[in-house]
Amino acid sequence: ADMYQQRWTVEVFFRWVKQYLNVPTLFGTTENAVYNQLFAAFIAYVLLRWLYDQTKKQTNVSLSFISFVRRFFSGQLPLDWKSGMAAALFEYAQIYGRRMYNFG
């Protein structure tokens, strides 16, 4: 029973990875390749989630996170969201003293 419970935990983890990190298949089979692909997907997820949360505070149009991601990658975000993203990124840059070149 303990082994089944541990196996089920692994299955739930990989289901979450496939759904939220958009990793339907792994490109490599070595341990290093799997770690690299999962870490890259997780970093992208965290950055998009941060950007979504920062922008959500500044906009009037409501979008779910998945709608935000789909529209972000297809370039079809509403103007309110684009201006909110620009404001959030410039605020971050101002706080941490970074310059943002060619941000459109």
N, C-alpha and C. Protein backbone atom coordinates (compact mmCIF):
# COMPACT_ATOMS: atom_id res chain seq x y z
N ALA A 1 0.83 -1.19 0.00
CA ALA A 1 0.00 0.00 0.00
C ALA A 1 0.87 1.26 0.00
N ASP A 2 1.98 1.24 0.76
CA ASP A 2 2.88 2.39 0.79
C ASP A 2 3.52 2.64 -0.58
N MET A 3 3.91 1.56 -1.25
CA MET A 3 4.51 1.69 -2.56
C MET A 3 3.51 2.26 -3.57
N TYR A 4 2.26 1.82 -3.49
CA TYR A 4 1.23 2.34 -4.39
C TYR A 4 1.01 3.83 -4.13
N GLN A 5 0.99 4.23 -2.87
CA GLN A 5 0.79 5.64 -2.54
C GLN A 5 1.95 6.49 -3.07
N GLN A 6 3.18 6.01 -2.95
CA GLN A 6 4.32 6.74 -3.47
C GLN A 6 4.27 6.82 -5.00
N ARG A 7 3.87 5.74 -5.63
CA ARG A 7 3.77 5.75 -7.10
C ARG A 7 2.68 6.72 -7.54
N TRP A 8 1.58 6.77 -6.80
CA TRP A 8 0.50 7.69 -7.15
C TRP A 8 0.95 9.14 -7.02
N THR A 9 1.77 9.44 -6.03
CA THR A 9 2.31 10.78 -5.86
C THR A 9 3.15 11.18 -7.07
N VAL A 10 3.94 10.27 -7.58
CA VAL A 10 4.74 10.53 -8.78
C VAL A 10 3.84 10.76 -9.98
N GLU A 11 2.79 9.96 -10.12
CA GLU A 11 1.85 10.13 -11.23
C GLU A 11 1.16 11.49 -11.18
N VAL A 12 0.77 11.93 -9.99
CA VAL A 12 0.12 13.23 -9.83
C VAL A 12 1.09 14.34 -10.19
N PHE A 13 2.35 14.20 -9.80
CA PHE A 13 3.36 15.21 -10.14
C PHE A 13 3.52 15.33 -11.65
N PHE A 14 3.63 14.20 -12.35
CA PHE A 14 3.81 14.27 -13.80
C PHE A 14 2.56 14.76 -14.51
N ARG A 15 1.39 14.50 -13.96
CA ARG A 15 0.17 15.05 -14.55
C ARG A 15 0.19 16.57 -14.42
N TRP A 16 0.62 17.09 -13.26
CA TRP A 16 0.73 18.54 -13.06
C TRP A 16 1.75 19.14 -14.04
N VAL A 17 2.86 18.45 -14.21
CA VAL A 17 3.89 18.93 -15.13
C VAL A 17 3.33 19.01 -16.55
N LYS A 18 2.63 17.98 -16.99
CA LYS A 18 2.08 17.97 -18.34
C LYS A 18 1.03 19.04 -18.53
N GLN A 19 0.20 19.29 -17.53
CA GLN A 19 -0.88 20.25 -17.66
C GLN A 19 -0.41 21.69 -17.52
N TYR A 20 0.37 21.98 -16.49
CA TYR A 20 0.70 23.37 -16.18
C TYR A 20 2.01 23.84 -16.76
N LEU A 21 2.96 22.97 -16.92
CA LEU A 21 4.24 23.37 -17.49
C LEU A 21 4.30 23.13 -18.99
N ASN A 22 3.25 22.56 -19.54
CA ASN A 22 3.15 22.29 -20.97
C ASN A 22 4.33 21.46 -21.46
N VAL A 23 4.58 20.35 -20.78
CA VAL A 23 5.63 19.41 -21.16
C VAL A 23 4.96 18.07 -21.45
N PRO A 24 4.38 17.92 -22.64
CA PRO A 24 3.69 16.66 -22.94
C PRO A 24 4.64 15.48 -23.11
N THR A 25 5.82 15.74 -23.64
CA THR A 25 6.82 14.67 -23.80
C THR A 25 8.18 15.21 -23.38
N LEU A 26 9.03 14.32 -22.93
CA LEU A 26 10.38 14.70 -22.57
C LEU A 26 11.29 14.48 -23.77
N PHE A 27 12.15 15.45 -24.06
CA PHE A 27 13.01 15.37 -25.23
C PHE A 27 14.18 14.42 -25.04
N GLY A 28 14.65 14.31 -23.82
CA GLY A 28 15.79 13.44 -23.54
C GLY A 28 15.43 12.39 -22.52
N THR A 29 16.25 11.37 -22.44
CA THR A 29 15.98 10.29 -21.49
C THR A 29 17.00 10.25 -20.36
N THR A 30 18.06 11.03 -20.48
CA THR A 30 19.05 11.03 -19.40
C THR A 30 18.54 11.89 -18.25
N GLU A 31 19.07 11.66 -17.08
CA GLU A 31 18.64 12.41 -15.90
C GLU A 31 18.88 13.90 -16.08
N ASN A 32 20.02 14.27 -16.64
CA ASN A 32 20.34 15.67 -16.86
C ASN A 32 19.38 16.33 -17.85
N ALA A 33 19.03 15.63 -18.91
CA ALA A 33 18.11 16.18 -19.92
C ALA A 33 16.72 16.42 -19.31
N VAL A 34 16.26 15.49 -18.51
CA VAL A 34 14.94 15.63 -17.87
C VAL A 34 14.96 16.81 -16.91
N TYR A 35 16.00 16.92 -16.07
CA TYR A 35 16.10 18.04 -15.15
C TYR A 35 16.14 19.38 -15.89
N ASN A 36 16.93 19.46 -16.95
CA ASN A 36 17.04 20.71 -17.70
C ASN A 36 15.70 21.12 -18.29
N GLN A 37 14.99 20.18 -18.90
CA GLN A 37 13.71 20.51 -19.51
C GLN A 37 12.68 20.91 -18.45
N LEU A 38 12.64 20.20 -17.34
CA LEU A 38 11.68 20.54 -16.29
C LEU A 38 12.02 21.87 -15.62
N PHE A 39 13.28 22.14 -15.37
CA PHE A 39 13.67 23.42 -14.77
C PHE A 39 13.36 24.58 -15.70
N ALA A 40 13.64 24.43 -16.98
CA ALA A 40 13.35 25.50 -17.94
C ALA A 40 11.84 25.76 -18.01
N ALA A 41 11.05 24.71 -18.04
CA ALA A 41 9.59 24.87 -18.08
C ALA A 41 9.09 25.50 -16.79
N PHE A 42 9.64 25.11 -15.65
CA PHE A 42 9.21 25.67 -14.38
C PHE A 42 9.59 27.14 -14.26
N ILE A 43 10.76 27.51 -14.72
CA ILE A 43 11.17 28.92 -14.69
C ILE A 43 10.24 29.75 -15.57
N ALA A 44 9.92 29.27 -16.76
CA ALA A 44 8.99 29.98 -17.64
C ALA A 44 7.62 30.12 -16.99
N TYR A 45 7.16 29.06 -16.34
CA TYR A 45 5.86 29.10 -15.66
C TYR A 45 5.86 30.14 -14.54
N VAL A 46 6.91 30.15 -13.73
CA VAL A 46 6.98 31.09 -12.61
C VAL A 46 7.04 32.53 -13.12
N LEU A 47 7.82 32.79 -14.16
CA LEU A 47 7.90 34.14 -14.71
C LEU A 47 6.56 34.60 -15.29
N LEU A 48 5.89 33.72 -16.03
CA LEU A 48 4.59 34.08 -16.58
C LEU A 48 3.56 34.29 -15.47
N ARG A 49 3.61 33.45 -14.44
CA ARG A 49 2.68 33.60 -13.32
C ARG A 49 2.92 34.91 -12.59
N TRP A 50 4.20 35.29 -12.40
CA TRP A 50 4.52 36.56 -11.75
C TRP A 50 4.01 37.72 -12.59
N LEU A 51 4.26 37.67 -13.89
CA LEU A 51 3.81 38.74 -14.78
C LEU A 51 2.29 38.84 -14.79
N TYR A 52 1.61 37.69 -14.78
CA TYR A 52 0.15 37.67 -14.74
C TYR A 52 -0.36 38.31 -13.45
N ASP A 53 0.20 37.93 -12.31
CA ASP A 53 -0.24 38.47 -11.03
C ASP A 53 0.01 39.97 -10.92
N GLN A 54 1.15 40.44 -11.41
CA GLN A 54 1.46 41.87 -11.37
C GLN A 54 0.52 42.66 -12.27
N THR A 55 0.22 42.11 -13.45
CA THR A 55 -0.61 42.81 -14.41
C THR A 55 -2.08 42.77 -14.00
N LYS A 56 -2.49 41.70 -13.37
CA LYS A 56 -3.90 41.54 -12.97
C LYS A 56 -4.32 42.66 -12.03
N LYS A 57 -3.40 43.15 -11.20
CA LYS A 57 -3.71 44.22 -10.25
C LYS A 57 -4.00 45.54 -10.96
N GLN A 58 -3.47 45.72 -12.17
CA GLN A 58 -3.53 47.01 -12.84
C GLN A 58 -4.53 47.07 -13.99
N THR A 59 -5.26 46.00 -14.26
CA THR A 59 -6.14 45.98 -15.42
C THR A 59 -7.60 45.85 -15.02
N ASN A 60 -8.47 46.25 -15.94
CA ASN A 60 -9.91 46.13 -15.74
C ASN A 60 -10.47 44.88 -16.41
N VAL A 61 -9.78 44.37 -17.41
CA VAL A 61 -10.23 43.19 -18.15
C VAL A 61 -9.80 41.95 -17.38
N SER A 62 -10.72 41.02 -17.15
CA SER A 62 -10.36 39.82 -16.40
C SER A 62 -10.06 38.67 -17.37
N LEU A 63 -8.97 38.02 -17.14
CA LEU A 63 -8.57 36.84 -17.91
C LEU A 63 -8.11 35.78 -16.91
N SER A 64 -8.38 34.53 -17.24
CA SER A 64 -7.81 33.46 -16.44
C SER A 64 -6.33 33.33 -16.79
N PHE A 65 -5.58 32.64 -15.95
CA PHE A 65 -4.16 32.49 -16.21
C PHE A 65 -3.91 31.76 -17.52
N ILE A 66 -4.69 30.71 -17.78
CA ILE A 66 -4.49 29.95 -19.02
C ILE A 66 -4.83 30.79 -20.24
N SER A 67 -5.88 31.62 -20.15
CA SER A 67 -6.21 32.52 -21.27
C SER A 67 -5.11 33.54 -21.48
N PHE A 68 -4.56 34.03 -20.36
CA PHE A 68 -3.45 34.97 -20.45
C PHE A 68 -2.27 34.35 -21.17
N VAL A 69 -1.90 33.12 -20.80
CA VAL A 69 -0.74 32.45 -21.42
C VAL A 69 -0.99 32.23 -22.90
N ARG A 70 -2.17 31.74 -23.25
CA ARG A 70 -2.48 31.49 -24.66
C ARG A 70 -2.42 32.77 -25.47
N ARG A 71 -3.02 33.83 -24.95
CA ARG A 71 -3.01 35.10 -25.68
C ARG A 71 -1.62 35.73 -25.68
N PHE A 72 -0.86 35.53 -24.62
CA PHE A 72 0.50 36.06 -24.56
C PHE A 72 1.36 35.47 -25.67
N PHE A 73 1.31 34.15 -25.83
CA PHE A 73 2.14 33.50 -26.84
C PHE A 73 1.63 33.73 -28.25
N SER A 74 0.35 34.00 -28.42
CA SER A 74 -0.17 34.27 -29.76
C SER A 74 -0.16 35.76 -30.09
N GLY A 75 0.21 36.61 -29.12
CA GLY A 75 0.29 38.05 -29.37
C GLY A 75 -1.06 38.72 -29.43
N GLN A 76 -2.07 38.17 -28.76
CA GLN A 76 -3.43 38.70 -28.85
C GLN A 76 -3.95 39.19 -27.50
N LEU A 77 -3.08 39.72 -26.67
CA LEU A 77 -3.52 40.25 -25.37
C LEU A 77 -4.26 41.57 -25.57
N PRO A 78 -5.30 41.82 -24.76
CA PRO A 78 -5.96 43.13 -24.82
C PRO A 78 -5.00 44.26 -24.47
N LEU A 79 -5.30 45.44 -24.94
CA LEU A 79 -4.42 46.59 -24.72
C LEU A 79 -4.23 46.88 -23.24
N ASP A 80 -5.29 46.69 -22.44
CA ASP A 80 -5.15 46.91 -20.99
C ASP A 80 -4.07 46.02 -20.40
N TRP A 81 -4.01 44.76 -20.85
CA TRP A 81 -3.02 43.83 -20.32
C TRP A 81 -1.62 44.19 -20.80
N LYS A 82 -1.50 44.63 -22.05
CA LYS A 82 -0.17 45.01 -22.55
C LYS A 82 0.37 46.22 -21.79
N SER A 83 -0.49 47.22 -21.56
CA SER A 83 -0.03 48.39 -20.82
C SER A 83 0.25 48.04 -19.37
N GLY A 84 -0.54 47.13 -18.79
CA GLY A 84 -0.28 46.68 -17.43
C GLY A 84 1.04 45.93 -17.32
N MET A 85 1.35 45.12 -18.32
CA MET A 85 2.62 44.40 -18.33
C MET A 85 3.78 45.38 -18.42
N ALA A 86 3.64 46.38 -19.29
CA ALA A 86 4.71 47.38 -19.43
C ALA A 86 4.91 48.11 -18.12
N ALA A 87 3.82 48.49 -17.45
CA ALA A 87 3.92 49.21 -16.18
C ALA A 87 4.59 48.34 -15.12
N ALA A 88 4.22 47.05 -15.05
CA ALA A 88 4.81 46.15 -14.06
C ALA A 88 6.30 45.96 -14.31
N LEU A 89 6.68 45.78 -15.57
CA LEU A 89 8.10 45.58 -15.88
C LEU A 89 8.92 46.84 -15.63
N PHE A 90 8.37 48.01 -15.97
CA PHE A 90 9.10 49.25 -15.70
C PHE A 90 9.20 49.51 -14.20
N GLU A 91 8.15 49.17 -13.45
CA GLU A 91 8.21 49.31 -11.99
C GLU A 91 9.29 48.41 -11.41
N TYR A 92 9.37 47.17 -11.90
CA TYR A 92 10.41 46.24 -11.46
C TYR A 92 11.79 46.80 -11.81
N ALA A 93 11.93 47.30 -13.02
CA ALA A 93 13.22 47.84 -13.46
C ALA A 93 13.62 49.04 -12.61
N GLN A 94 12.65 49.87 -12.25
CA GLN A 94 12.95 51.05 -11.46
C GLN A 94 13.36 50.66 -10.03
N ILE A 95 12.68 49.67 -9.48
CA ILE A 95 12.99 49.24 -8.11
C ILE A 95 14.40 48.66 -8.05
N TYR A 96 14.76 47.84 -9.02
CA TYR A 96 16.03 47.14 -8.98
C TYR A 96 17.12 47.83 -9.80
N GLY A 97 16.84 49.01 -10.32
CA GLY A 97 17.85 49.80 -11.00
C GLY A 97 18.32 49.23 -12.31
N ARG A 98 17.46 48.55 -13.02
CA ARG A 98 17.82 47.97 -14.31
C ARG A 98 17.24 48.83 -15.44
N ARG A 99 17.93 48.87 -16.55
CA ARG A 99 17.41 49.57 -17.73
C ARG A 99 16.76 48.55 -18.65
N MET A 100 15.68 48.98 -19.27
CA MET A 100 14.97 48.09 -20.19
C MET A 100 15.07 48.71 -21.58
N TYR A 101 15.81 48.08 -22.42
CA TYR A 101 16.02 48.58 -23.77
C TYR A 101 15.01 47.95 -24.72
N ASN A 102 14.53 48.74 -25.65
CA ASN A 102 13.67 48.26 -26.74
C ASN A 102 12.45 47.49 -26.24
N PHE A 103 11.82 47.95 -25.19
CA PHE A 103 10.59 47.29 -24.73
C PHE A 103 9.44 47.97 -25.41
N GLY A 104 8.68 47.22 -26.21
CA GLY A 104 7.58 47.81 -26.96
C GLY A 104 6.31 47.24 -26.56
